[in-house]
């Protein structure tokens, strides 16, 4: 699966940031943790996990009505301390590990794909 396919799936399911609340973000976090763990079992060169820095940013994550404003999942890995995993940018763009190659981005894409399927 590729980045654009995940973005298209989100749109095709009719989702917007208004449909995403804190509970749904927590579900994505759970799926992302599972996918990163599974990826680490088969890929010995890079191990990745969510980092607490993901929660330490002083940003407006949710609007007053509880809908998503912006959110950034961050991970740490074998050779880096903090990088983007999945980002919900305030302009509506959804990013997937812009630093990663087509192999290392797969846990993020897989988690996102499963998440979209579960919340729709």
PDB file of N, CA and C in Angstrom:
ATOM      1  N   UNK A   1       0.845  -1.181   0.000  1.00  0.00           N
ATOM      2  CA  UNK A   1       0.000   0.000   0.000  1.00  0.00           C
ATOM      3  C   UNK A   1       0.888   1.241   0.000  1.00  0.00           C
ATOM      4  N   UNK A   2       0.436   2.283  -0.669  1.00  0.00           N
ATOM      5  CA  UNK A   2       1.191   3.531  -0.769  1.00  0.00           C
ATOM      6  C   UNK A   2       0.452   4.661  -0.044  1.00  0.00           C
ATOM      7  N   UNK A   3       1.191   5.725   0.232  1.00  0.00           N
ATOM      8  CA  UNK A   3       0.646   6.881   0.951  1.00  0.00           C
ATOM      9  C   UNK A   3      -0.639   7.411   0.315  1.00  0.00           C
ATOM     10  N   UNK A   4      -0.597   7.614  -0.992  1.00  0.00           N
ATOM     11  CA  UNK A   4      -1.756   8.178  -1.688  1.00  0.00           C
ATOM     12  C   UNK A   4      -2.976   7.266  -1.605  1.00  0.00           C
ATOM     13  N   UNK A   5      -2.745   5.964  -1.602  1.00  0.00           N
ATOM     14  CA  UNK A   5      -3.868   5.022  -1.475  1.00  0.00           C
ATOM     15  C   UNK A   5      -4.565   5.182  -0.123  1.00  0.00           C
ATOM     16  N   UNK A   6      -3.798   5.402   0.920  1.00  0.00           N
ATOM     17  CA  UNK A   6      -4.394   5.606   2.244  1.00  0.00           C
ATOM     18  C   UNK A   6      -5.175   6.911   2.302  1.00  0.00           C
ATOM     19  N   UNK A   7      -4.610   7.960   1.741  1.00  0.00           N
ATOM     20  CA  UNK A   7      -5.328   9.246   1.713  1.00  0.00           C
ATOM     21  C   UNK A   7      -6.622   9.113   0.918  1.00  0.00           C
ATOM     22  N   UNK A   8      -6.554   8.397  -0.196  1.00  0.00           N
ATOM     23  CA  UNK A   8      -7.734   8.196  -1.035  1.00  0.00           C
ATOM     24  C   UNK A   8      -8.791   7.382  -0.294  1.00  0.00           C
ATOM     25  N   UNK A   9      -8.381   6.352   0.435  1.00  0.00           N
ATOM     26  CA  UNK A   9      -9.308   5.545   1.215  1.00  0.00           C
ATOM     27  C   UNK A   9     -10.056   6.409   2.222  1.00  0.00           C
ATOM     28  N   UNK A  10      -9.344   7.283   2.903  1.00  0.00           N
ATOM     29  CA  UNK A  10      -9.939   8.200   3.876  1.00  0.00           C
ATOM     30  C   UNK A  10     -11.028   9.048   3.209  1.00  0.00           C
ATOM     31  N   UNK A  11     -10.712   9.593   2.062  1.00  0.00           N
ATOM     32  CA  UNK A  11     -11.660  10.439   1.320  1.00  0.00           C
ATOM     33  C   UNK A  11     -12.815   9.610   0.770  1.00  0.00           C
ATOM     34  N   UNK A  12     -12.496   8.459   0.182  1.00  0.00           N
ATOM     35  CA  UNK A  12     -13.532   7.602  -0.406  1.00  0.00           C
ATOM     36  C   UNK A  12     -14.549   7.119   0.618  1.00  0.00           C
ATOM     37  N   UNK A  13     -14.117   6.957   1.859  1.00  0.00           N
ATOM     38  CA  UNK A  13     -15.032   6.551   2.929  1.00  0.00           C
ATOM     39  C   UNK A  13     -15.857   7.732   3.443  1.00  0.00           C
ATOM     40  N   UNK A  14     -15.597   8.910   2.877  1.00  0.00           N
ATOM     41  CA  UNK A  14     -16.356  10.103   3.264  1.00  0.00           C
ATOM     42  C   UNK A  14     -15.918  10.710   4.584  1.00  0.00           C
ATOM     43  N   UNK A  15     -14.711  10.377   5.021  1.00  0.00           N
ATOM     44  CA  UNK A  15     -14.226  10.883   6.302  1.00  0.00           C
ATOM     45  C   UNK A  15     -13.637  12.282   6.179  1.00  0.00           C
ATOM     46  N   UNK A  16     -13.798  13.048   7.231  1.00  0.00           N
ATOM     47  CA  UNK A  16     -13.151  14.346   7.386  1.00  0.00           C
ATOM     48  C   UNK A  16     -12.666  14.432   8.823  1.00  0.00           C
ATOM     49  N   UNK A  17     -11.953  15.489   9.140  1.00  0.00           N
ATOM     50  CA  UNK A  17     -11.490  15.679  10.512  1.00  0.00           C
ATOM     51  C   UNK A  17     -12.667  15.808  11.479  1.00  0.00           C
ATOM     52  N   UNK A  18     -13.806  16.248  11.003  1.00  0.00           N
ATOM     53  CA  UNK A  18     -14.993  16.376  11.861  1.00  0.00           C
ATOM     54  C   UNK A  18     -15.467  15.011  12.376  1.00  0.00           C
ATOM     55  N   UNK A  19     -15.127  13.950  11.654  1.00  0.00           N
ATOM     56  CA  UNK A  19     -15.522  12.594  12.043  1.00  0.00           C
ATOM     57  C   UNK A  19     -14.564  11.954  13.045  1.00  0.00           C
ATOM     58  N   UNK A  20     -13.442  12.602  13.299  1.00  0.00           N
ATOM     59  CA  UNK A  20     -12.403  12.025  14.147  1.00  0.00           C
ATOM     60  C   UNK A  20     -12.424  12.701  15.514  1.00  0.00           C
ATOM     61  N   UNK A  21     -12.553  11.892  16.559  1.00  0.00           N
ATOM     62  CA  UNK A  21     -12.522  12.412  17.927  1.00  0.00           C
ATOM     63  C   UNK A  21     -11.386  11.728  18.695  1.00  0.00           C
ATOM     64  N   UNK A  22     -11.278  12.051  19.968  1.00  0.00           N
ATOM     65  CA  UNK A  22     -10.198  11.524  20.802  1.00  0.00           C
ATOM     66  C   UNK A  22     -10.232   9.988  20.869  1.00  0.00           C
ATOM     67  N   UNK A  23     -11.411   9.422  20.970  1.00  0.00           N
ATOM     68  CA  UNK A  23     -11.552   7.970  21.038  1.00  0.00           C
ATOM     69  C   UNK A  23     -11.010   7.305  19.769  1.00  0.00           C
ATOM     70  N   UNK A  24     -11.295   7.896  18.630  1.00  0.00           N
ATOM     71  CA  UNK A  24     -10.823   7.329  17.354  1.00  0.00           C
ATOM     72  C   UNK A  24      -9.310   7.488  17.210  1.00  0.00           C
ATOM     73  N   UNK A  25      -8.773   8.577  17.717  1.00  0.00           N
ATOM     74  CA  UNK A  25      -7.318   8.759  17.700  1.00  0.00           C
ATOM     75  C   UNK A  25      -6.654   7.712  18.595  1.00  0.00           C
ATOM     76  N   UNK A  26      -7.257   7.421  19.727  1.00  0.00           N
ATOM     77  CA  UNK A  26      -6.715   6.391  20.622  1.00  0.00           C
ATOM     78  C   UNK A  26      -6.736   5.021  19.950  1.00  0.00           C
ATOM     79  N   UNK A  27      -7.763   4.747  19.169  1.00  0.00           N
ATOM     80  CA  UNK A  27      -7.836   3.480  18.432  1.00  0.00           C
ATOM     81  C   UNK A  27      -6.705   3.396  17.411  1.00  0.00           C
ATOM     82  N   UNK A  28      -6.446   4.495  16.714  1.00  0.00           N
ATOM     83  CA  UNK A  28      -5.342   4.516  15.754  1.00  0.00           C
ATOM     84  C   UNK A  28      -4.017   4.300  16.483  1.00  0.00           C
ATOM     85  N   UNK A  29      -3.867   4.886  17.643  1.00  0.00           N
ATOM     86  CA  UNK A  29      -2.642   4.697  18.430  1.00  0.00           C
ATOM     87  C   UNK A  29      -2.446   3.216  18.760  1.00  0.00           C
ATOM     88  N   UNK A  30      -3.496   2.540  19.181  1.00  0.00           N
ATOM     89  CA  UNK A  30      -3.415   1.111  19.494  1.00  0.00           C
ATOM     90  C   UNK A  30      -2.979   0.302  18.268  1.00  0.00           C
ATOM     91  N   UNK A  31      -3.615   0.567  17.137  1.00  0.00           N
ATOM     92  CA  UNK A  31      -3.278  -0.159  15.911  1.00  0.00           C
ATOM     93  C   UNK A  31      -1.847   0.129  15.463  1.00  0.00           C
ATOM     94  N   UNK A  32      -1.416   1.368  15.620  1.00  0.00           N
ATOM     95  CA  UNK A  32      -0.059   1.737  15.241  1.00  0.00           C
ATOM     96  C   UNK A  32       0.964   1.025  16.129  1.00  0.00           C
ATOM     97  N   UNK A  33       0.698   0.941  17.406  1.00  0.00           N
ATOM     98  CA  UNK A  33       1.604   0.226  18.315  1.00  0.00           C
ATOM     99  C   UNK A  33       1.726  -1.247  17.915  1.00  0.00           C
ATOM    100  N   UNK A  34       0.615  -1.860  17.574  1.00  0.00           N
ATOM    101  CA  UNK A  34       0.621  -3.268  17.151  1.00  0.00           C
ATOM    102  C   UNK A  34       1.426  -3.440  15.866  1.00  0.00           C
ATOM    103  N   UNK A  35       1.173  -2.591  14.890  1.00  0.00           N
ATOM    104  CA  UNK A  35       1.871  -2.699  13.606  1.00  0.00           C
ATOM    105  C   UNK A  35       3.372  -2.469  13.758  1.00  0.00           C
ATOM    106  N   UNK A  36       3.760  -1.515  14.585  1.00  0.00           N
ATOM    107  CA  UNK A  36       5.193  -1.269  14.817  1.00  0.00           C
ATOM    108  C   UNK A  36       5.852  -2.465  15.498  1.00  0.00           C
ATOM    109  N   UNK A  37       5.156  -3.068  16.449  1.00  0.00           N
ATOM    110  CA  UNK A  37       5.678  -4.254  17.138  1.00  0.00           C
ATOM    111  C   UNK A  37       5.861  -5.407  16.152  1.00  0.00           C
ATOM    112  N   UNK A  38       4.834  -5.656  15.348  1.00  0.00           N
ATOM    113  CA  UNK A  38       4.906  -6.753  14.367  1.00  0.00           C
ATOM    114  C   UNK A  38       6.014  -6.503  13.345  1.00  0.00           C
ATOM    115  N   UNK A  39       6.156  -5.270  12.905  1.00  0.00           N
ATOM    116  CA  UNK A  39       7.200  -4.909  11.948  1.00  0.00           C
ATOM    117  C   UNK A  39       8.579  -5.194  12.546  1.00  0.00           C
ATOM    118  N   UNK A  40       8.752  -4.884  13.815  1.00  0.00           N
ATOM    119  CA  UNK A  40      10.026  -5.104  14.483  1.00  0.00           C
ATOM    120  C   UNK A  40      10.396  -6.566  14.616  1.00  0.00           C
ATOM    121  N   UNK A  41       9.410  -7.431  14.621  1.00  0.00           N
ATOM    122  CA  UNK A  41       9.679  -8.873  14.725  1.00  0.00           C
ATOM    123  C   UNK A  41      10.320  -9.417  13.452  1.00  0.00           C
ATOM    124  N   UNK A  42      10.033  -8.816  12.320  1.00  0.00           N
ATOM    125  CA  UNK A  42      10.562  -9.314  11.048  1.00  0.00           C
ATOM    126  C   UNK A  42      11.682  -8.447  10.486  1.00  0.00           C
ATOM    127  N   UNK A  43      11.834  -7.237  10.994  1.00  0.00           N
ATOM    128  CA  UNK A  43      12.855  -6.324  10.494  1.00  0.00           C
ATOM    129  C   UNK A  43      13.851  -6.052  11.619  1.00  0.00           C
ATOM    130  N   UNK A  44      15.004  -6.689  11.542  1.00  0.00           N
ATOM    131  CA  UNK A  44      15.982  -6.561  12.626  1.00  0.00           C
ATOM    132  C   UNK A  44      16.857  -5.316  12.500  1.00  0.00           C
ATOM    133  N   UNK A  45      16.829  -4.648  11.358  1.00  0.00           N
ATOM    134  CA  UNK A  45      17.675  -3.468  11.167  1.00  0.00           C
ATOM    135  C   UNK A  45      17.071  -2.203  11.753  1.00  0.00           C
ATOM    136  N   UNK A  46      15.756  -2.150  11.878  1.00  0.00           N
ATOM    137  CA  UNK A  46      15.117  -0.967  12.437  1.00  0.00           C
ATOM    138  C   UNK A  46      13.958  -1.411  13.322  1.00  0.00           C
ATOM    139  N   UNK A  47      13.949  -0.911  14.513  1.00  0.00           N
ATOM    140  CA  UNK A  47      12.841  -1.164  15.435  1.00  0.00           C
ATOM    141  C   UNK A  47      12.256   0.198  15.777  1.00  0.00           C
ATOM    142  N   UNK A  48      10.943   0.296  15.713  1.00  0.00           N
ATOM    143  CA  UNK A  48      10.287   1.572  15.955  1.00  0.00           C
ATOM    144  C   UNK A  48       9.194   1.418  17.005  1.00  0.00           C
ATOM    145  N   UNK A  49       8.972   2.477  17.765  1.00  0.00           N
ATOM    146  CA  UNK A  49       7.882   2.497  18.740  1.00  0.00           C
ATOM    147  C   UNK A  49       7.416   3.930  18.920  1.00  0.00           C
ATOM    148  N   UNK A  50       6.167   4.074  19.375  1.00  0.00           N
ATOM    149  CA  UNK A  50       5.648   5.412  19.640  1.00  0.00           C
ATOM    150  C   UNK A  50       6.455   6.056  20.746  1.00  0.00           C
ATOM    151  N   UNK A  51       6.610   7.351  20.660  1.00  0.00           N
ATOM    152  CA  UNK A  51       7.358   8.088  21.661  1.00  0.00           C
ATOM    153  C   UNK A  51       6.437   9.028  22.427  1.00  0.00           C
ATOM    154  N   UNK A  52       6.778   9.321  23.646  1.00  0.00           N
ATOM    155  CA  UNK A  52       5.970  10.221  24.466  1.00  0.00           C
ATOM    156  C   UNK A  52       5.948  11.633  23.896  1.00  0.00           C
ATOM    157  N   UNK A  53       6.924  11.990  23.091  1.00  0.00           N
ATOM    158  CA  UNK A  53       6.962  13.318  22.485  1.00  0.00           C
ATOM    159  C   UNK A  53       5.695  13.586  21.683  1.00  0.00           C
ATOM    160  N   UNK A  54       5.052  12.510  21.241  1.00  0.00           N
ATOM    161  CA  UNK A  54       3.803  12.643  20.494  1.00  0.00           C
ATOM    162  C   UNK A  54       2.764  13.402  21.315  1.00  0.00           C
ATOM    163  N   UNK A  55       2.784  13.264  22.629  1.00  0.00           N
ATOM    164  CA  UNK A  55       1.794  13.896  23.494  1.00  0.00           C
ATOM    165  C   UNK A  55       2.282  15.190  24.140  1.00  0.00           C
ATOM    166  N   UNK A  56       3.519  15.558  23.961  1.00  0.00           N
ATOM    167  CA  UNK A  56       4.076  16.685  24.684  1.00  0.00           C
ATOM    168  C   UNK A  56       4.020  18.002  23.927  1.00  0.00           C
ATOM    169  N   UNK A  57       3.549  17.997  22.724  1.00  0.00           N
ATOM    170  CA  UNK A  57       3.472  19.237  21.949  1.00  0.00           C
ATOM    171  C   UNK A  57       2.330  20.098  22.455  1.00  0.00           C
ATOM    172  N   UNK A  58       2.534  21.366  22.483  1.00  0.00           N
ATOM    173  CA  UNK A  58       1.504  22.298  22.915  1.00  0.00           C
ATOM    174  C   UNK A  58       0.743  22.784  21.680  1.00  0.00           C
ATOM    175  N   UNK A  59      -0.155  21.941  21.196  1.00  0.00           N
ATOM    176  CA  UNK A  59      -0.951  22.291  20.023  1.00  0.00           C
ATOM    177  C   UNK A  59      -2.423  22.083  20.343  1.00  0.00           C
ATOM    178  N   UNK A  60      -3.246  22.644  19.512  1.00  0.00           N
ATOM    179  CA  UNK A  60      -4.685  22.443  19.651  1.00  0.00           C
ATOM    180  C   UNK A  60      -5.032  21.167  18.890  1.00  0.00           C
ATOM    181  N   UNK A  61      -5.127  20.060  19.610  1.00  0.00           N
ATOM    182  CA  UNK A  61      -5.376  18.779  18.968  1.00  0.00           C
ATOM    183  C   UNK A  61      -6.834  18.615  18.564  1.00  0.00           C
ATOM    184  N   UNK A  62      -7.755  19.079  19.415  1.00  0.00           N
ATOM    185  CA  UNK A  62      -9.179  18.903  19.160  1.00  0.00           C
ATOM    186  C   UNK A  62      -9.909  20.235  19.265  1.00  0.00           C
ATOM    187  N   UNK A  63     -10.963  20.360  18.483  1.00  0.00           N
ATOM    188  CA  UNK A  63     -11.800  21.553  18.519  1.00  0.00           C
ATOM    189  C   UNK A  63     -12.755  21.488  19.709  1.00  0.00           C
ATOM    190  N   UNK A  64     -13.437  22.568  19.988  1.00  0.00           N
ATOM    191  CA  UNK A  64     -14.381  22.613  21.108  1.00  0.00           C
ATOM    192  C   UNK A  64     -15.471  21.557  20.994  1.00  0.00           C
ATOM    193  N   UNK A  65     -15.871  21.208  19.779  1.00  0.00           N
ATOM    194  CA  UNK A  65     -16.915  20.198  19.585  1.00  0.00           C
ATOM    195  C   UNK A  65     -16.374  18.764  19.688  1.00  0.00           C
ATOM    196  N   UNK A  66     -15.073  18.616  19.976  1.00  0.00           N
ATOM    197  CA  UNK A  66     -14.462  17.298  20.124  1.00  0.00           C
ATOM    198  C   UNK A  66     -13.866  16.739  18.850  1.00  0.00           C
ATOM    199  N   UNK A  67     -14.061  17.412  17.725  1.00  0.00           N
ATOM    200  CA  UNK A  67     -13.519  16.927  16.455  1.00  0.00           C
ATOM    201  C   UNK A  67     -12.027  17.271  16.346  1.00  0.00           C
ATOM    202  N   UNK A  68     -11.358  16.571  15.484  1.00  0.00           N
ATOM    203  CA  UNK A  68      -9.919  16.714  15.306  1.00  0.00           C
ATOM    204  C   UNK A  68      -9.561  18.054  14.678  1.00  0.00           C
ATOM    205  N   UNK A  69      -8.574  18.710  15.247  1.00  0.00           N
ATOM    206  CA  UNK A  69      -8.004  19.923  14.644  1.00  0.00           C
ATOM    207  C   UNK A  69      -6.682  19.555  13.963  1.00  0.00           C
ATOM    208  N   UNK A  70      -5.774  18.971  14.737  1.00  0.00           N
ATOM    209  CA  UNK A  70      -4.511  18.457  14.207  1.00  0.00           C
ATOM    210  C   UNK A  70      -3.951  17.467  15.215  1.00  0.00           C
ATOM    211  N   UNK A  71      -3.145  16.525  14.711  1.00  0.00           N
ATOM    212  CA  UNK A  71      -2.568  15.523  15.612  1.00  0.00           C
ATOM    213  C   UNK A  71      -1.335  14.934  14.948  1.00  0.00           C
ATOM    214  N   UNK A  72      -0.322  14.682  15.753  1.00  0.00           N
ATOM    215  CA  UNK A  72       0.937  14.159  15.234  1.00  0.00           C
ATOM    216  C   UNK A  72       1.386  12.958  16.059  1.00  0.00           C
ATOM    217  N   UNK A  73       1.449  11.796  15.426  1.00  0.00           N
ATOM    218  CA  UNK A  73       2.037  10.625  16.052  1.00  0.00           C
ATOM    219  C   UNK A  73       3.524  10.656  15.741  1.00  0.00           C
ATOM    220  N   UNK A  74       4.336  10.469  16.758  1.00  0.00           N
ATOM    221  CA  UNK A  74       5.781  10.466  16.592  1.00  0.00           C
ATOM    222  C   UNK A  74       6.330   9.122  17.085  1.00  0.00           C
ATOM    223  N   UNK A  75       7.412   8.697  16.457  1.00  0.00           N
ATOM    224  CA  UNK A  75       8.040   7.433  16.850  1.00  0.00           C
ATOM    225  C   UNK A  75       9.531   7.636  17.062  1.00  0.00           C
ATOM    226  N   UNK A  76      10.122   6.689  17.777  1.00  0.00           N
ATOM    227  CA  UNK A  76      11.580   6.633  17.883  1.00  0.00           C
ATOM    228  C   UNK A  76      12.014   5.292  17.324  1.00  0.00           C
ATOM    229  N   UNK A  77      13.254   5.228  16.915  1.00  0.00           N
ATOM    230  CA  UNK A  77      13.733   3.994  16.314  1.00  0.00           C
ATOM    231  C   UNK A  77      15.163   3.688  16.690  1.00  0.00           C
ATOM    232  N   UNK A  78      15.692   2.661  16.076  1.00  0.00           N
ATOM    233  CA  UNK A  78      17.036   2.191  16.360  1.00  0.00           C
ATOM    234  C   UNK A  78      18.070   3.299  16.184  1.00  0.00           C
ATOM    235  N   UNK A  79      17.944   4.097  15.150  1.00  0.00           N
ATOM    236  CA  UNK A  79      18.957   5.107  14.852  1.00  0.00           C
ATOM    237  C   UNK A  79      18.416   6.534  14.816  1.00  0.00           C
ATOM    238  N   UNK A  80      17.239   6.770  15.404  1.00  0.00           N
ATOM    239  CA  UNK A  80      16.708   8.126  15.503  1.00  0.00           C
ATOM    240  C   UNK A  80      15.866   8.248  16.767  1.00  0.00           C
ATOM    241  N   UNK A  81      15.735   9.480  17.273  1.00  0.00           N
ATOM    242  CA  UNK A  81      15.013   9.660  18.532  1.00  0.00           C
ATOM    243  C   UNK A  81      13.559  10.083  18.325  1.00  0.00           C
ATOM    244  N   UNK A  82      13.278  10.937  17.367  1.00  0.00           N
ATOM    245  CA  UNK A  82      11.891  11.354  17.135  1.00  0.00           C
ATOM    246  C   UNK A  82      11.685  11.650  15.649  1.00  0.00           C
ATOM    247  N   UNK A  83      10.689  10.998  15.077  1.00  0.00           N
ATOM    248  CA  UNK A  83      10.293  11.271  13.687  1.00  0.00           C
ATOM    249  C   UNK A  83       8.784  11.128  13.566  1.00  0.00           C
ATOM    250  N   UNK A  84       8.245  11.746  12.525  1.00  0.00           N
ATOM    251  CA  UNK A  84       6.815  11.670  12.253  1.00  0.00           C
ATOM    252  C   UNK A  84       6.438  10.252  11.840  1.00  0.00           C
ATOM    253  N   UNK A  85       5.319   9.778  12.379  1.00  0.00           N
ATOM    254  CA  UNK A  85       4.766   8.492  11.945  1.00  0.00           C
ATOM    255  C   UNK A  85       3.534   8.759  11.087  1.00  0.00           C
ATOM    256  N   UNK A  86       2.529   9.356  11.706  1.00  0.00           N
ATOM    257  CA  UNK A  86       1.311   9.775  10.997  1.00  0.00           C
ATOM    258  C   UNK A  86       0.990  11.174  11.476  1.00  0.00           C
ATOM    259  N   UNK A  87       0.694  12.061  10.540  1.00  0.00           N
ATOM    260  CA  UNK A  87       0.346  13.426  10.934  1.00  0.00           C
ATOM    261  C   UNK A  87      -0.976  13.846  10.294  1.00  0.00           C
ATOM    262  N   UNK A  88      -1.808  14.426  11.120  1.00  0.00           N
ATOM    263  CA  UNK A  88      -3.042  15.061  10.668  1.00  0.00           C
ATOM    264  C   UNK A  88      -2.781  16.555  10.764  1.00  0.00           C
ATOM    265  N   UNK A  89      -2.405  17.154   9.654  1.00  0.00           N
ATOM    266  CA  UNK A  89      -2.044  18.564   9.642  1.00  0.00           C
ATOM    267  C   UNK A  89      -3.282  19.449   9.646  1.00  0.00           C
ATOM    268  N   UNK A  90      -3.165  20.666  10.198  1.00  0.00           N
ATOM    269  CA  UNK A  90      -4.345  21.530  10.300  1.00  0.00           C
ATOM    270  C   UNK A  90      -4.953  21.919   8.951  1.00  0.00           C
ATOM    271  N   UNK A  91      -4.188  21.805   7.878  1.00  0.00           N
ATOM    272  CA  UNK A  91      -4.721  22.143   6.553  1.00  0.00           C
ATOM    273  C   UNK A  91      -5.457  20.971   5.900  1.00  0.00           C
ATOM    274  N   UNK A  92      -5.556  19.833   6.630  1.00  0.00           N
ATOM    275  CA  UNK A  92      -6.265  18.673   6.102  1.00  0.00           C
ATOM    276  C   UNK A  92      -5.375  17.616   5.474  1.00  0.00           C
ATOM    277  N   UNK A  93      -4.091  17.910   5.313  1.00  0.00           N
ATOM    278  CA  UNK A  93      -3.164  16.935   4.730  1.00  0.00           C
ATOM    279  C   UNK A  93      -2.826  15.874   5.769  1.00  0.00           C
ATOM    280  N   UNK A  94      -2.852  14.618   5.352  1.00  0.00           N
ATOM    281  CA  UNK A  94      -2.473  13.505   6.217  1.00  0.00           C
ATOM    282  C   UNK A  94      -1.135  12.971   5.705  1.00  0.00           C
ATOM    283  N   UNK A  95      -0.128  13.006   6.582  1.00  0.00           N
ATOM    284  CA  UNK A  95       1.213  12.577   6.209  1.00  0.00           C
ATOM    285  C   UNK A  95       1.567  11.241   6.828  1.00  0.00           C
ATOM    286  N   UNK A  96       2.395  10.494   6.118  1.00  0.00           N
ATOM    287  CA  UNK A  96       2.846   9.182   6.569  1.00  0.00           C
ATOM    288  C   UNK A  96       4.368   9.099   6.480  1.00  0.00           C
ATOM    289  N   UNK A  97       5.035   9.231   7.606  1.00  0.00           N
ATOM    290  CA  UNK A  97       6.481   9.016   7.710  1.00  0.00           C
ATOM    291  C   UNK A  97       7.232   9.506   6.477  1.00  0.00           C
ATOM    292  N   UNK A  98       7.211  10.798   6.251  1.00  0.00           N
ATOM    293  CA  UNK A  98       7.873  11.376   5.081  1.00  0.00           C
ATOM    294  C   UNK A  98       9.354  11.051   4.985  1.00  0.00           C
ATOM    295  N   UNK A  99       9.949  10.650   6.060  1.00  0.00           N
ATOM    296  CA  UNK A  99      11.364  10.293   6.114  1.00  0.00           C
ATOM    297  C   UNK A  99      11.627   8.871   5.641  1.00  0.00           C
ATOM    298  N   UNK A 100      10.579   8.036   5.626  1.00  0.00           N
ATOM    299  CA  UNK A 100      10.753   6.593   5.450  1.00  0.00           C
ATOM    300  C   UNK A 100      10.716   6.159   3.985  1.00  0.00           C
ATOM    301  N   UNK A 101      11.390   5.048   3.728  1.00  0.00           N
ATOM    302  CA  UNK A 101      11.302   4.456   2.395  1.00  0.00           C
ATOM    303  C   UNK A 101      10.026   3.617   2.299  1.00  0.00           C
ATOM    304  N   UNK A 102       9.807   2.989   1.160  1.00  0.00           N
ATOM    305  CA  UNK A 102       8.552   2.269   0.929  1.00  0.00           C
ATOM    306  C   UNK A 102       8.387   1.043   1.830  1.00  0.00           C
ATOM    307  N   UNK A 103       9.459   0.552   2.400  1.00  0.00           N
ATOM    308  CA  UNK A 103       9.371  -0.569   3.345  1.00  0.00           C
ATOM    309  C   UNK A 103       9.070  -0.077   4.756  1.00  0.00           C
ATOM    310  N   UNK A 104       9.827   0.902   5.225  1.00  0.00           N
ATOM    311  CA  UNK A 104       9.702   1.360   6.602  1.00  0.00           C
ATOM    312  C   UNK A 104       8.420   2.133   6.883  1.00  0.00           C
ATOM    313  N   UNK A 105       7.735   2.586   5.867  1.00  0.00           N
ATOM    314  CA  UNK A 105       6.462   3.287   6.064  1.00  0.00           C
ATOM    315  C   UNK A 105       5.293   2.309   6.216  1.00  0.00           C
ATOM    316  N   UNK A 106       5.501   1.059   5.879  1.00  0.00           N
ATOM    317  CA  UNK A 106       4.397   0.095   5.860  1.00  0.00           C
ATOM    318  C   UNK A 106       3.648  -0.063   7.186  1.00  0.00           C
ATOM    319  N   UNK A 107       4.288  -0.055   8.344  1.00  0.00           N
ATOM    320  CA  UNK A 107       3.497  -0.170   9.577  1.00  0.00           C
ATOM    321  C   UNK A 107       2.503   0.982   9.749  1.00  0.00           C
ATOM    322  N   UNK A 108       2.905   2.173   9.350  1.00  0.00           N
ATOM    323  CA  UNK A 108       2.021   3.334   9.455  1.00  0.00           C
ATOM    324  C   UNK A 108       0.836   3.208   8.493  1.00  0.00           C
ATOM    325  N   UNK A 109       1.132   2.798   7.278  1.00  0.00           N
ATOM    326  CA  UNK A 109       0.077   2.653   6.275  1.00  0.00           C
ATOM    327  C   UNK A 109      -0.889   1.533   6.650  1.00  0.00           C
ATOM    328  N   UNK A 110      -0.349   0.433   7.131  1.00  0.00           N
ATOM    329  CA  UNK A 110      -1.185  -0.695   7.526  1.00  0.00           C
ATOM    330  C   UNK A 110      -2.098  -0.321   8.691  1.00  0.00           C
ATOM    331  N   UNK A 111      -1.544   0.342   9.696  1.00  0.00           N
ATOM    332  CA  UNK A 111      -2.348   0.763  10.852  1.00  0.00           C
ATOM    333  C   UNK A 111      -3.449   1.725  10.411  1.00  0.00           C
ATOM    334  N   UNK A 112      -3.105   2.669   9.546  1.00  0.00           N
ATOM    335  CA  UNK A 112      -4.082   3.653   9.081  1.00  0.00           C
ATOM    336  C   UNK A 112      -5.194   2.988   8.287  1.00  0.00           C
ATOM    337  N   UNK A 113      -4.829   2.076   7.394  1.00  0.00           N
ATOM    338  CA  UNK A 113      -5.797   1.359   6.578  1.00  0.00           C
ATOM    339  C   UNK A 113      -6.771   0.559   7.458  1.00  0.00           C
ATOM    340  N   UNK A 114      -6.231  -0.164   8.426  1.00  0.00           N
ATOM    341  CA  UNK A 114      -7.090  -0.935   9.346  1.00  0.00           C
ATOM    342  C   UNK A 114      -7.988  -0.003  10.143  1.00  0.00           C
ATOM    343  N   UNK A 115      -7.446   1.102  10.577  1.00  0.00           N
ATOM    344  CA  UNK A 115      -8.188   2.091  11.362  1.00  0.00           C
ATOM    345  C   UNK A 115      -9.374   2.650  10.578  1.00  0.00           C
ATOM    346  N   UNK A 116      -9.116   3.075   9.340  1.00  0.00           N
ATOM    347  CA  UNK A 116     -10.201   3.609   8.509  1.00  0.00           C
ATOM    348  C   UNK A 116     -11.290   2.566   8.324  1.00  0.00           C
ATOM    349  N   UNK A 117     -10.900   1.334   8.072  1.00  0.00           N
ATOM    350  CA  UNK A 117     -11.884   0.259   7.894  1.00  0.00           C
ATOM    351  C   UNK A 117     -12.689   0.017   9.152  1.00  0.00           C
ATOM    352  N   UNK A 118     -12.057   0.134  10.314  1.00  0.00           N
ATOM    353  CA  UNK A 118     -12.765  -0.090  11.580  1.00  0.00           C
ATOM    354  C   UNK A 118     -13.714   1.036  11.953  1.00  0.00           C
ATOM    355  N   UNK A 119     -13.341   2.271  11.656  1.00  0.00           N
ATOM    356  CA  UNK A 119     -14.190   3.390  12.102  1.00  0.00           C
ATOM    357  C   UNK A 119     -15.332   3.699  11.147  1.00  0.00           C
ATOM    358  N   UNK A 120     -15.318   3.079   9.980  1.00  0.00           N
ATOM    359  CA  UNK A 120     -16.405   3.312   9.005  1.00  0.00           C
ATOM    360  C   UNK A 120     -17.412   2.185   9.012  1.00  0.00           C
TER     361      UNK A 120
END
